[in-house]
All heavy atoms as atom14 arrays in JSON, in Angstrom:
{
  "sequence": "PEEQETHKVMVQDYSIPESWVKKRVSKAKERMGKSDAGKIVWAGMEA",
  "atom14_mask": [
    [1, 1, 1, 1, 1, 1, 1, 0, 0, 0, 0, 0, 0, 0],
    [1, 1, 1, 1, 1, 1, 1, 1, 1, 0, 0, 0, 0, 0],
    [1, 1, 1, 1, 1, 1, 1, 1, 1, 0, 0, 0, 0, 0],
    [1, 1, 1, 1, 1, 1, 1, 1, 1, 0, 0, 0, 0, 0],
    [1, 1, 1, 1, 1, 1, 1, 1, 1, 0, 0, 0, 0, 0],
    [1, 1, 1, 1, 1, 1, 1, 0, 0, 0, 0, 0, 0, 0],
    [1, 1, 1, 1, 1, 1, 1, 1, 1, 1, 0, 0, 0, 0],
    [1, 1, 1, 1, 1, 1, 1, 1, 1, 0, 0, 0, 0, 0],
    [1, 1, 1, 1, 1, 1, 1, 0, 0, 0, 0, 0, 0, 0],
    [1, 1, 1, 1, 1, 1, 1, 1, 0, 0, 0, 0, 0, 0],
    [1, 1, 1, 1, 1, 1, 1, 0, 0, 0, 0, 0, 0, 0],
    [1, 1, 1, 1, 1, 1, 1, 1, 1, 0, 0, 0, 0, 0],
    [1, 1, 1, 1, 1, 1, 1, 1, 0, 0, 0, 0, 0, 0],
    [1, 1, 1, 1, 1, 1, 1, 1, 1, 1, 1, 1, 0, 0],
    [1, 1, 1, 1, 1, 1, 0, 0, 0, 0, 0, 0, 0, 0],
    [1, 1, 1, 1, 1, 1, 1, 1, 0, 0, 0, 0, 0, 0],
    [1, 1, 1, 1, 1, 1, 1, 0, 0, 0, 0, 0, 0, 0],
    [1, 1, 1, 1, 1, 1, 1, 1, 1, 0, 0, 0, 0, 0],
    [1, 1, 1, 1, 1, 1, 0, 0, 0, 0, 0, 0, 0, 0],
    [1, 1, 1, 1, 1, 1, 1, 1, 1, 1, 1, 1, 1, 1],
    [1, 1, 1, 1, 1, 1, 1, 0, 0, 0, 0, 0, 0, 0],
    [1, 1, 1, 1, 1, 1, 1, 1, 1, 0, 0, 0, 0, 0],
    [1, 1, 1, 1, 1, 1, 1, 1, 1, 0, 0, 0, 0, 0],
    [1, 1, 1, 1, 1, 1, 1, 1, 1, 1, 1, 0, 0, 0],
    [1, 1, 1, 1, 1, 1, 1, 0, 0, 0, 0, 0, 0, 0],
    [1, 1, 1, 1, 1, 1, 0, 0, 0, 0, 0, 0, 0, 0],
    [1, 1, 1, 1, 1, 1, 1, 1, 1, 0, 0, 0, 0, 0],
    [1, 1, 1, 1, 1, 0, 0, 0, 0, 0, 0, 0, 0, 0],
    [1, 1, 1, 1, 1, 1, 1, 1, 1, 0, 0, 0, 0, 0],
    [1, 1, 1, 1, 1, 1, 1, 1, 1, 0, 0, 0, 0, 0],
    [1, 1, 1, 1, 1, 1, 1, 1, 1, 1, 1, 0, 0, 0],
    [1, 1, 1, 1, 1, 1, 1, 1, 0, 0, 0, 0, 0, 0],
    [1, 1, 1, 1, 0, 0, 0, 0, 0, 0, 0, 0, 0, 0],
    [1, 1, 1, 1, 1, 1, 1, 1, 1, 0, 0, 0, 0, 0],
    [1, 1, 1, 1, 1, 1, 0, 0, 0, 0, 0, 0, 0, 0],
    [1, 1, 1, 1, 1, 1, 1, 1, 0, 0, 0, 0, 0, 0],
    [1, 1, 1, 1, 1, 0, 0, 0, 0, 0, 0, 0, 0, 0],
    [1, 1, 1, 1, 0, 0, 0, 0, 0, 0, 0, 0, 0, 0],
    [1, 1, 1, 1, 1, 1, 1, 1, 1, 0, 0, 0, 0, 0],
    [1, 1, 1, 1, 1, 1, 1, 1, 0, 0, 0, 0, 0, 0],
    [1, 1, 1, 1, 1, 1, 1, 0, 0, 0, 0, 0, 0, 0],
    [1, 1, 1, 1, 1, 1, 1, 1, 1, 1, 1, 1, 1, 1],
    [1, 1, 1, 1, 1, 0, 0, 0, 0, 0, 0, 0, 0, 0],
    [1, 1, 1, 1, 0, 0, 0, 0, 0, 0, 0, 0, 0, 0],
    [1, 1, 1, 1, 1, 1, 1, 1, 0, 0, 0, 0, 0, 0],
    [1, 1, 1, 1, 1, 1, 1, 1, 1, 0, 0, 0, 0, 0],
    [1, 1, 1, 1, 1, 0, 0, 0, 0, 0, 0, 0, 0, 0]
  ],
  "atom14_positions": [
    [[-13.3, -32.52, 59.41], [-13.39, -33.02, 60.74], [-13.99, -34.54, 60.79], [-13.42, -35.3, 61.63], [-14.37, -32.04, 61.45], [-14.12, -30.81, 60.71], [-13.95, -31.19, 59.25], [0.0, 0.0, 0.0], [0.0, 0.0, 0.0], [0.0, 0.0, 0.0], [0.0, 0.0, 0.0], [0.0, 0.0, 0.0], [0.0, 0.0, 0.0], [0.0, 0.0, 0.0]],
    [[-14.85, -34.83, 59.99], [-15.62, -36.13, 60.18], [-14.72, -37.22, 59.56], [-15.08, -38.35, 59.76], [-16.99, -36.17, 59.54], [-16.89, -35.93, 58.0], [-17.16, -34.47, 57.58], [-16.71, -33.65, 58.44], [-17.6, -34.22, 56.51], [0.0, 0.0, 0.0], [0.0, 0.0, 0.0], [0.0, 0.0, 0.0], [0.0, 0.0, 0.0], [0.0, 0.0, 0.0]],
    [[-13.62, -36.85, 58.96], [-12.78, -37.91, 58.37], [-11.48, -38.09, 59.25], [-10.59, -38.85, 58.85], [-12.32, -37.46, 56.98], [-13.58, -37.33, 56.04], [-13.31, -36.43, 54.86], [-12.17, -35.83, 54.71], [-14.14, -36.34, 53.94], [0.0, 0.0, 0.0], [0.0, 0.0, 0.0], [0.0, 0.0, 0.0], [0.0, 0.0, 0.0], [0.0, 0.0, 0.0]],
    [[-11.53, -37.72, 60.53], [-10.35, -37.81, 61.22], [-10.23, -39.08, 62.06], [-9.28, -39.61, 62.55], [-10.32, -36.63, 62.29], [-10.16, -35.24, 61.6], [-8.8, -35.15, 60.91], [-7.76, -35.66, 61.32], [-8.78, -34.48, 59.78], [0.0, 0.0, 0.0], [0.0, 0.0, 0.0], [0.0, 0.0, 0.0], [0.0, 0.0, 0.0], [0.0, 0.0, 0.0]],
    [[-11.51, -39.66, 62.38], [-11.56, -40.77, 63.27], [-10.96, -42.07, 62.56], [-11.12, -42.17, 61.4], [-12.98, -41.04, 63.77], [-13.47, -39.84, 64.51], [-14.96, -40.06, 64.85], [-15.32, -41.2, 65.02], [-15.62, -39.09, 64.97], [0.0, 0.0, 0.0], [0.0, 0.0, 0.0], [0.0, 0.0, 0.0], [0.0, 0.0, 0.0], [0.0, 0.0, 0.0]],
    [[-10.43, -42.96, 63.38], [-9.89, -44.19, 62.76], [-10.83, -45.3, 62.92], [-11.51, -45.45, 63.89], [-8.51, -44.53, 63.3], [-8.64, -44.63, 64.77], [-7.46, -43.45, 63.02], [0.0, 0.0, 0.0], [0.0, 0.0, 0.0], [0.0, 0.0, 0.0], [0.0, 0.0, 0.0], [0.0, 0.0, 0.0], [0.0, 0.0, 0.0], [0.0, 0.0, 0.0]],
    [[-10.8, -46.16, 61.97], [-11.64, -47.39, 61.93], [-10.78, -48.5, 62.37], [-9.92, -49.0, 61.65], [-12.17, -47.65, 60.51], [-13.04, -48.92, 60.53], [-13.88, -49.29, 61.47], [-12.99, -49.95, 59.55], [-14.44, -50.43, 61.13], [-13.9, -50.83, 60.08], [0.0, 0.0, 0.0], [0.0, 0.0, 0.0], [0.0, 0.0, 0.0], [0.0, 0.0, 0.0]],
    [[-10.91, -48.93, 63.66], [-9.98, -49.97, 64.29], [-10.69, -51.39, 64.16], [-11.69, -51.58, 64.88], [-9.67, -49.68, 65.62], [-8.99, -48.26, 65.77], [-8.7, -47.8, 67.31], [-8.05, -46.53, 67.31], [-7.78, -46.12, 68.7], [0.0, 0.0, 0.0], [0.0, 0.0, 0.0], [0.0, 0.0, 0.0], [0.0, 0.0, 0.0], [0.0, 0.0, 0.0]],
    [[-10.18, -52.22, 63.44], [-10.62, -53.49, 63.18], [-9.54, -54.59, 63.07], [-8.38, -54.16, 62.78], [-11.59, -53.74, 62.03], [-12.84, -52.93, 62.09], [-10.77, -53.35, 60.77], [0.0, 0.0, 0.0], [0.0, 0.0, 0.0], [0.0, 0.0, 0.0], [0.0, 0.0, 0.0], [0.0, 0.0, 0.0], [0.0, 0.0, 0.0], [0.0, 0.0, 0.0]],
    [[-9.81, -55.78, 63.48], [-8.75, -56.77, 63.26], [-8.45, -56.93, 61.8], [-9.32, -57.05, 60.98], [-9.23, -58.1, 63.84], [-8.21, -59.3, 63.71], [-8.92, -60.86, 64.17], [-9.73, -60.35, 65.75], [0.0, 0.0, 0.0], [0.0, 0.0, 0.0], [0.0, 0.0, 0.0], [0.0, 0.0, 0.0], [0.0, 0.0, 0.0], [0.0, 0.0, 0.0]],
    [[-7.15, -56.94, 61.43], [-6.78, -56.97, 60.01], [-6.87, -58.44, 59.57], [-6.23, -59.3, 60.17], [-5.38, -56.46, 59.79], [-4.9, -56.65, 58.34], [-5.28, -55.0, 60.14], [0.0, 0.0, 0.0], [0.0, 0.0, 0.0], [0.0, 0.0, 0.0], [0.0, 0.0, 0.0], [0.0, 0.0, 0.0], [0.0, 0.0, 0.0], [0.0, 0.0, 0.0]],
    [[-7.72, -58.65, 58.47], [-7.83, -59.93, 57.98], [-7.9, -59.74, 56.46], [-8.12, -58.67, 55.99], [-9.06, -60.63, 58.48], [-9.02, -61.04, 59.92], [-10.23, -61.86, 60.41], [-10.9, -62.42, 59.53], [-10.4, -62.03, 61.67], [0.0, 0.0, 0.0], [0.0, 0.0, 0.0], [0.0, 0.0, 0.0], [0.0, 0.0, 0.0], [0.0, 0.0, 0.0]],
    [[-7.78, -60.84, 55.73], [-7.82, -60.75, 54.26], [-9.32, -61.07, 53.94], [-9.72, -62.3, 53.64], [-6.83, -61.83, 53.62], [-6.8, -61.75, 52.2], [-7.42, -60.67, 51.65], [-6.19, -62.55, 51.46], [0.0, 0.0, 0.0], [0.0, 0.0, 0.0], [0.0, 0.0, 0.0], [0.0, 0.0, 0.0], [0.0, 0.0, 0.0], [0.0, 0.0, 0.0]],
    [[-10.16, -60.06, 53.79], [-11.58, -60.18, 53.43], [-11.59, -60.38, 51.92], [-11.86, -59.36, 51.28], [-12.27, -59.04, 53.94], [-13.85, -59.32, 53.86], [-14.48, -59.86, 54.85], [-14.54, -58.9, 52.77], [-15.87, -60.12, 54.86], [-15.89, -59.19, 52.62], [-16.6, -59.78, 53.83], [-17.95, -60.06, 53.74], [0.0, 0.0, 0.0], [0.0, 0.0, 0.0]],
    [[-11.38, -61.49, 51.38], [-11.43, -61.74, 49.95], [-12.1, -63.05, 49.67], [-12.27, -63.9, 50.62], [-10.01, -61.7, 49.41], [-9.13, -62.67, 49.98], [0.0, 0.0, 0.0], [0.0, 0.0, 0.0], [0.0, 0.0, 0.0], [0.0, 0.0, 0.0], [0.0, 0.0, 0.0], [0.0, 0.0, 0.0], [0.0, 0.0, 0.0], [0.0, 0.0, 0.0]],
    [[-12.41, -63.29, 48.43], [-13.12, -64.46, 47.94], [-12.04, -65.44, 47.36], [-11.17, -65.14, 46.7], [-14.14, -64.18, 46.88], [-15.12, -63.04, 47.42], [-14.88, -65.39, 46.47], [-15.86, -63.38, 48.74], [0.0, 0.0, 0.0], [0.0, 0.0, 0.0], [0.0, 0.0, 0.0], [0.0, 0.0, 0.0], [0.0, 0.0, 0.0], [0.0, 0.0, 0.0]],
    [[-12.18, -66.76, 47.72], [-11.14, -67.73, 47.24], [-11.22, -67.69, 45.7], [-12.15, -67.52, 45.0], [-11.71, -69.12, 47.81], [-12.49, -68.76, 48.96], [-13.06, -67.31, 48.73], [0.0, 0.0, 0.0], [0.0, 0.0, 0.0], [0.0, 0.0, 0.0], [0.0, 0.0, 0.0], [0.0, 0.0, 0.0], [0.0, 0.0, 0.0], [0.0, 0.0, 0.0]],
    [[-9.96, -67.83, 45.2], [-9.82, -67.7, 43.74], [-10.63, -68.76, 42.88], [-11.15, -68.43, 41.84], [-8.3, -67.85, 43.36], [-7.99, -67.64, 41.87], [-6.56, -67.84, 41.5], [-5.7, -67.96, 42.53], [-6.14, -67.79, 40.37], [0.0, 0.0, 0.0], [0.0, 0.0, 0.0], [0.0, 0.0, 0.0], [0.0, 0.0, 0.0], [0.0, 0.0, 0.0]],
    [[-10.7, -69.95, 43.45], [-11.44, -70.94, 42.8], [-12.97, -70.53, 42.6], [-13.67, -70.9, 41.69], [-11.34, -72.27, 43.53], [-11.83, -72.26, 44.87], [0.0, 0.0, 0.0], [0.0, 0.0, 0.0], [0.0, 0.0, 0.0], [0.0, 0.0, 0.0], [0.0, 0.0, 0.0], [0.0, 0.0, 0.0], [0.0, 0.0, 0.0], [0.0, 0.0, 0.0]],
    [[-13.49, -69.95, 43.75], [-14.83, -69.48, 43.71], [-15.09, -68.54, 42.61], [-16.04, -68.47, 41.96], [-15.25, -68.92, 45.14], [-15.35, -69.86, 46.2], [-14.8, -71.12, 46.22], [-15.93, -69.7, 47.5], [-15.06, -71.75, 47.43], [-15.74, -70.97, 48.2], [-16.62, -68.64, 48.08], [-16.15, -71.11, 49.54], [-17.05, -68.78, 49.34], [-16.81, -70.02, 50.05]],
    [[-14.19, -67.46, 42.58], [-14.35, -66.45, 41.55], [-14.21, -66.97, 40.21], [-15.13, -66.73, 39.39], [-13.17, -65.38, 41.84], [-13.21, -64.39, 40.62], [-13.23, -64.63, 43.17], [0.0, 0.0, 0.0], [0.0, 0.0, 0.0], [0.0, 0.0, 0.0], [0.0, 0.0, 0.0], [0.0, 0.0, 0.0], [0.0, 0.0, 0.0], [0.0, 0.0, 0.0]],
    [[-13.43, -67.89, 39.92], [-13.28, -68.4, 38.62], [-14.54, -69.19, 38.22], [-14.93, -69.06, 37.05], [-12.06, -69.45, 38.49], [-10.76, -68.85, 38.51], [-9.59, -69.71, 38.35], [-8.29, -69.05, 38.26], [-7.04, -69.96, 38.13], [0.0, 0.0, 0.0], [0.0, 0.0, 0.0], [0.0, 0.0, 0.0], [0.0, 0.0, 0.0], [0.0, 0.0, 0.0]],
    [[-15.08, -69.93, 39.15], [-16.26, -70.59, 38.84], [-17.56, -69.71, 38.53], [-18.2, -69.91, 37.59], [-16.73, -71.53, 39.98], [-17.88, -72.47, 39.77], [-18.1, -73.39, 40.91], [-19.3, -74.29, 40.69], [-19.54, -75.29, 41.84], [0.0, 0.0, 0.0], [0.0, 0.0, 0.0], [0.0, 0.0, 0.0], [0.0, 0.0, 0.0], [0.0, 0.0, 0.0]],
    [[-17.67, -68.67, 39.39], [-18.7, -67.68, 39.13], [-18.53, -66.98, 37.8], [-19.53, -66.8, 37.1], [-18.87, -66.79, 40.35], [-20.09, -65.9, 40.35], [-20.36, -65.39, 41.71], [-21.34, -64.28, 41.63], [-21.77, -63.74, 42.77], [-21.39, -64.14, 43.97], [-22.78, -62.82, 42.74], [0.0, 0.0, 0.0], [0.0, 0.0, 0.0], [0.0, 0.0, 0.0]],
    [[-17.32, -66.54, 37.64], [-17.02, -65.78, 36.35], [-17.32, -66.65, 35.09], [-17.89, -66.23, 34.08], [-15.65, -65.21, 36.39], [-15.32, -64.6, 34.99], [-15.43, -64.17, 37.48], [0.0, 0.0, 0.0], [0.0, 0.0, 0.0], [0.0, 0.0, 0.0], [0.0, 0.0, 0.0], [0.0, 0.0, 0.0], [0.0, 0.0, 0.0], [0.0, 0.0, 0.0]],
    [[-16.91, -67.88, 35.17], [-17.0, -68.84, 34.04], [-18.52, -69.05, 33.76], [-18.98, -68.99, 32.61], [-16.44, -70.19, 34.47], [-16.59, -71.08, 33.4], [0.0, 0.0, 0.0], [0.0, 0.0, 0.0], [0.0, 0.0, 0.0], [0.0, 0.0, 0.0], [0.0, 0.0, 0.0], [0.0, 0.0, 0.0], [0.0, 0.0, 0.0], [0.0, 0.0, 0.0]],
    [[-19.4, -69.24, 34.94], [-20.75, -69.31, 34.56], [-21.39, -68.08, 34.03], [-22.24, -68.18, 33.14], [-21.43, -69.65, 35.91], [-21.26, -71.0, 36.49], [-22.11, -71.31, 37.81], [-21.95, -72.68, 38.24], [-22.65, -72.96, 39.43], [0.0, 0.0, 0.0], [0.0, 0.0, 0.0], [0.0, 0.0, 0.0], [0.0, 0.0, 0.0], [0.0, 0.0, 0.0]],
    [[-20.96, -66.91, 34.4], [-21.48, -65.7, 33.89], [-21.08, -65.46, 32.51], [-21.99, -65.18, 31.54], [-21.02, -64.53, 34.75], [0.0, 0.0, 0.0], [0.0, 0.0, 0.0], [0.0, 0.0, 0.0], [0.0, 0.0, 0.0], [0.0, 0.0, 0.0], [0.0, 0.0, 0.0], [0.0, 0.0, 0.0], [0.0, 0.0, 0.0], [0.0, 0.0, 0.0]],
    [[-19.9, -65.81, 32.12], [-19.41, -65.8, 30.75], [-20.19, -66.73, 29.87], [-20.67, -66.3, 28.63], [-17.91, -66.01, 30.68], [-17.39, -65.87, 29.24], [-15.9, -66.13, 29.22], [-15.32, -65.9, 27.81], [-13.84, -66.11, 27.83], [0.0, 0.0, 0.0], [0.0, 0.0, 0.0], [0.0, 0.0, 0.0], [0.0, 0.0, 0.0], [0.0, 0.0, 0.0]],
    [[-20.44, -67.89, 30.29], [-21.2, -68.81, 29.51], [-22.62, -68.4, 29.36], [-23.16, -68.51, 28.17], [-21.15, -70.2, 30.19], [-21.97, -71.3, 29.4], [-21.92, -72.72, 30.2], [-21.41, -72.75, 31.3], [-22.53, -73.6, 29.64], [0.0, 0.0, 0.0], [0.0, 0.0, 0.0], [0.0, 0.0, 0.0], [0.0, 0.0, 0.0], [0.0, 0.0, 0.0]],
    [[-23.16, -67.91, 30.32], [-24.62, -67.4, 30.22], [-24.73, -66.28, 29.28], [-25.65, -66.16, 28.52], [-25.11, -67.13, 31.69], [-26.57, -66.72, 31.73], [-27.09, -66.75, 33.17], [-26.29, -65.82, 34.0], [-25.51, -66.32, 35.04], [-25.39, -67.63, 35.18], [-24.82, -65.4, 35.74], [0.0, 0.0, 0.0], [0.0, 0.0, 0.0], [0.0, 0.0, 0.0]],
    [[-23.89, -65.2, 29.42], [-23.94, -64.12, 28.55], [-23.6, -64.43, 27.14], [-23.97, -63.63, 26.22], [-23.08, -63.0, 29.16], [-23.6, -62.48, 30.47], [-22.72, -61.12, 31.17], [-23.49, -60.87, 32.63], [0.0, 0.0, 0.0], [0.0, 0.0, 0.0], [0.0, 0.0, 0.0], [0.0, 0.0, 0.0], [0.0, 0.0, 0.0], [0.0, 0.0, 0.0]],
    [[-22.74, -65.44, 26.9], [-22.37, -65.7, 25.6], [-23.44, -66.31, 24.73], [-23.37, -66.58, 23.54], [0.0, 0.0, 0.0], [0.0, 0.0, 0.0], [0.0, 0.0, 0.0], [0.0, 0.0, 0.0], [0.0, 0.0, 0.0], [0.0, 0.0, 0.0], [0.0, 0.0, 0.0], [0.0, 0.0, 0.0], [0.0, 0.0, 0.0], [0.0, 0.0, 0.0]],
    [[-24.67, -66.61, 25.34], [-25.76, -67.21, 24.57], [-26.64, -66.17, 23.78], [-27.48, -66.63, 23.06], [-26.5, -68.01, 25.52], [-25.83, -69.27, 26.05], [-26.68, -69.96, 27.17], [-25.92, -71.18, 27.71], [-26.69, -71.93, 28.71], [0.0, 0.0, 0.0], [0.0, 0.0, 0.0], [0.0, 0.0, 0.0], [0.0, 0.0, 0.0], [0.0, 0.0, 0.0]],
    [[-26.33, -64.9, 24.0], [-27.21, -63.91, 23.26], [-26.29, -62.74, 22.92], [-25.29, -62.5, 23.47], [-28.29, -63.44, 24.16], [-27.85, -62.69, 25.3], [0.0, 0.0, 0.0], [0.0, 0.0, 0.0], [0.0, 0.0, 0.0], [0.0, 0.0, 0.0], [0.0, 0.0, 0.0], [0.0, 0.0, 0.0], [0.0, 0.0, 0.0], [0.0, 0.0, 0.0]],
    [[-26.74, -62.02, 21.77], [-25.94, -60.82, 21.38], [-26.03, -59.77, 22.47], [-24.98, -59.04, 22.64], [-26.66, -60.37, 20.13], [-26.47, -61.23, 18.93], [-25.48, -61.93, 18.96], [-27.15, -61.18, 18.0], [0.0, 0.0, 0.0], [0.0, 0.0, 0.0], [0.0, 0.0, 0.0], [0.0, 0.0, 0.0], [0.0, 0.0, 0.0], [0.0, 0.0, 0.0]],
    [[-27.19, -59.63, 23.22], [-27.23, -58.69, 24.3], [-26.24, -59.11, 25.35], [-25.57, -58.21, 25.99], [-28.61, -58.61, 24.9], [0.0, 0.0, 0.0], [0.0, 0.0, 0.0], [0.0, 0.0, 0.0], [0.0, 0.0, 0.0], [0.0, 0.0, 0.0], [0.0, 0.0, 0.0], [0.0, 0.0, 0.0], [0.0, 0.0, 0.0], [0.0, 0.0, 0.0]],
    [[-26.2, -60.25, 25.73], [-25.29, -60.79, 26.77], [-23.78, -60.52, 26.41], [-22.95, -60.19, 27.21], [0.0, 0.0, 0.0], [0.0, 0.0, 0.0], [0.0, 0.0, 0.0], [0.0, 0.0, 0.0], [0.0, 0.0, 0.0], [0.0, 0.0, 0.0], [0.0, 0.0, 0.0], [0.0, 0.0, 0.0], [0.0, 0.0, 0.0], [0.0, 0.0, 0.0]],
    [[-23.53, -60.69, 25.14], [-22.06, -60.57, 24.69], [-21.72, -58.99, 24.73], [-20.5, -58.79, 25.08], [-21.96, -61.01, 23.16], [-22.09, -62.53, 22.99], [-22.08, -62.84, 21.5], [-22.25, -64.37, 21.35], [-22.35, -64.77, 20.0], [0.0, 0.0, 0.0], [0.0, 0.0, 0.0], [0.0, 0.0, 0.0], [0.0, 0.0, 0.0], [0.0, 0.0, 0.0]],
    [[-22.7, -58.19, 24.57], [-22.38, -56.7, 24.7], [-22.15, -56.33, 26.21], [-21.17, -55.7, 26.52], [-23.49, -55.91, 24.15], [-23.49, -55.95, 22.67], [-23.36, -54.41, 24.6], [-24.72, -55.4, 21.91], [0.0, 0.0, 0.0], [0.0, 0.0, 0.0], [0.0, 0.0, 0.0], [0.0, 0.0, 0.0], [0.0, 0.0, 0.0], [0.0, 0.0, 0.0]],
    [[-22.89, -56.91, 27.07], [-22.74, -56.68, 28.46], [-21.49, -57.21, 28.99], [-20.63, -56.58, 29.72], [-23.87, -57.22, 29.41], [-23.6, -57.14, 30.82], [-25.16, -56.49, 28.95], [0.0, 0.0, 0.0], [0.0, 0.0, 0.0], [0.0, 0.0, 0.0], [0.0, 0.0, 0.0], [0.0, 0.0, 0.0], [0.0, 0.0, 0.0], [0.0, 0.0, 0.0]],
    [[-21.07, -58.46, 28.58], [-19.79, -59.1, 28.86], [-18.64, -58.28, 28.39], [-17.69, -58.08, 29.04], [-19.65, -60.51, 28.24], [-18.39, -61.2, 28.68], [-17.3, -61.34, 27.9], [-18.02, -61.71, 29.92], [-16.36, -61.91, 28.58], [-16.75, -62.21, 29.88], [-18.76, -61.91, 31.09], [-16.09, -62.83, 30.96], [-18.15, -62.42, 32.25], [-16.84, -62.86, 32.1]],
    [[-18.74, -57.75, 27.13], [-17.64, -56.88, 26.55], [-17.47, -55.68, 27.44], [-16.41, -55.1, 27.7], [-17.96, -56.52, 25.13], [0.0, 0.0, 0.0], [0.0, 0.0, 0.0], [0.0, 0.0, 0.0], [0.0, 0.0, 0.0], [0.0, 0.0, 0.0], [0.0, 0.0, 0.0], [0.0, 0.0, 0.0], [0.0, 0.0, 0.0], [0.0, 0.0, 0.0]],
    [[-18.64, -55.16, 27.96], [-18.6, -53.97, 28.84], [-17.86, -54.27, 30.14], [-17.16, -53.51, 30.61], [0.0, 0.0, 0.0], [0.0, 0.0, 0.0], [0.0, 0.0, 0.0], [0.0, 0.0, 0.0], [0.0, 0.0, 0.0], [0.0, 0.0, 0.0], [0.0, 0.0, 0.0], [0.0, 0.0, 0.0], [0.0, 0.0, 0.0], [0.0, 0.0, 0.0]],
    [[-18.16, -55.47, 30.73], [-17.49, -55.92, 31.9], [-16.02, -56.01, 31.63], [-15.14, -55.52, 32.53], [-17.99, -57.18, 32.4], [-19.49, -57.22, 32.95], [-19.93, -58.82, 33.53], [-21.61, -58.51, 34.02], [0.0, 0.0, 0.0], [0.0, 0.0, 0.0], [0.0, 0.0, 0.0], [0.0, 0.0, 0.0], [0.0, 0.0, 0.0], [0.0, 0.0, 0.0]],
    [[-15.66, -56.6, 30.59], [-14.17, -56.64, 30.25], [-13.48, -55.32, 30.13], [-12.42, -55.04, 30.55], [-14.0, -57.49, 29.05], [-14.37, -59.04, 29.14], [-13.33, -59.73, 29.95], [-12.21, -59.99, 29.49], [-13.69, -59.89, 31.13], [0.0, 0.0, 0.0], [0.0, 0.0, 0.0], [0.0, 0.0, 0.0], [0.0, 0.0, 0.0], [0.0, 0.0, 0.0]],
    [[-14.22, -54.33, 29.44], [-13.63, -52.92, 29.15], [-13.45, -52.31, 30.58], [-12.58, -51.54, 30.68], [-14.59, -52.17, 28.33], [0.0, 0.0, 0.0], [0.0, 0.0, 0.0], [0.0, 0.0, 0.0], [0.0, 0.0, 0.0], [0.0, 0.0, 0.0], [0.0, 0.0, 0.0], [0.0, 0.0, 0.0], [0.0, 0.0, 0.0], [0.0, 0.0, 0.0]]
  ]
}
């Protein structure tokens, strides 16, 4: 019953610009690549 109601909102593309994502991902990859522990976490993200 509680799943019957509809969520009515204006349809928009709630997403992040691709250039922003690439920049943030690049920074994270660089930061994690500096340590063995970071490389493991990055490999986990990729997996």
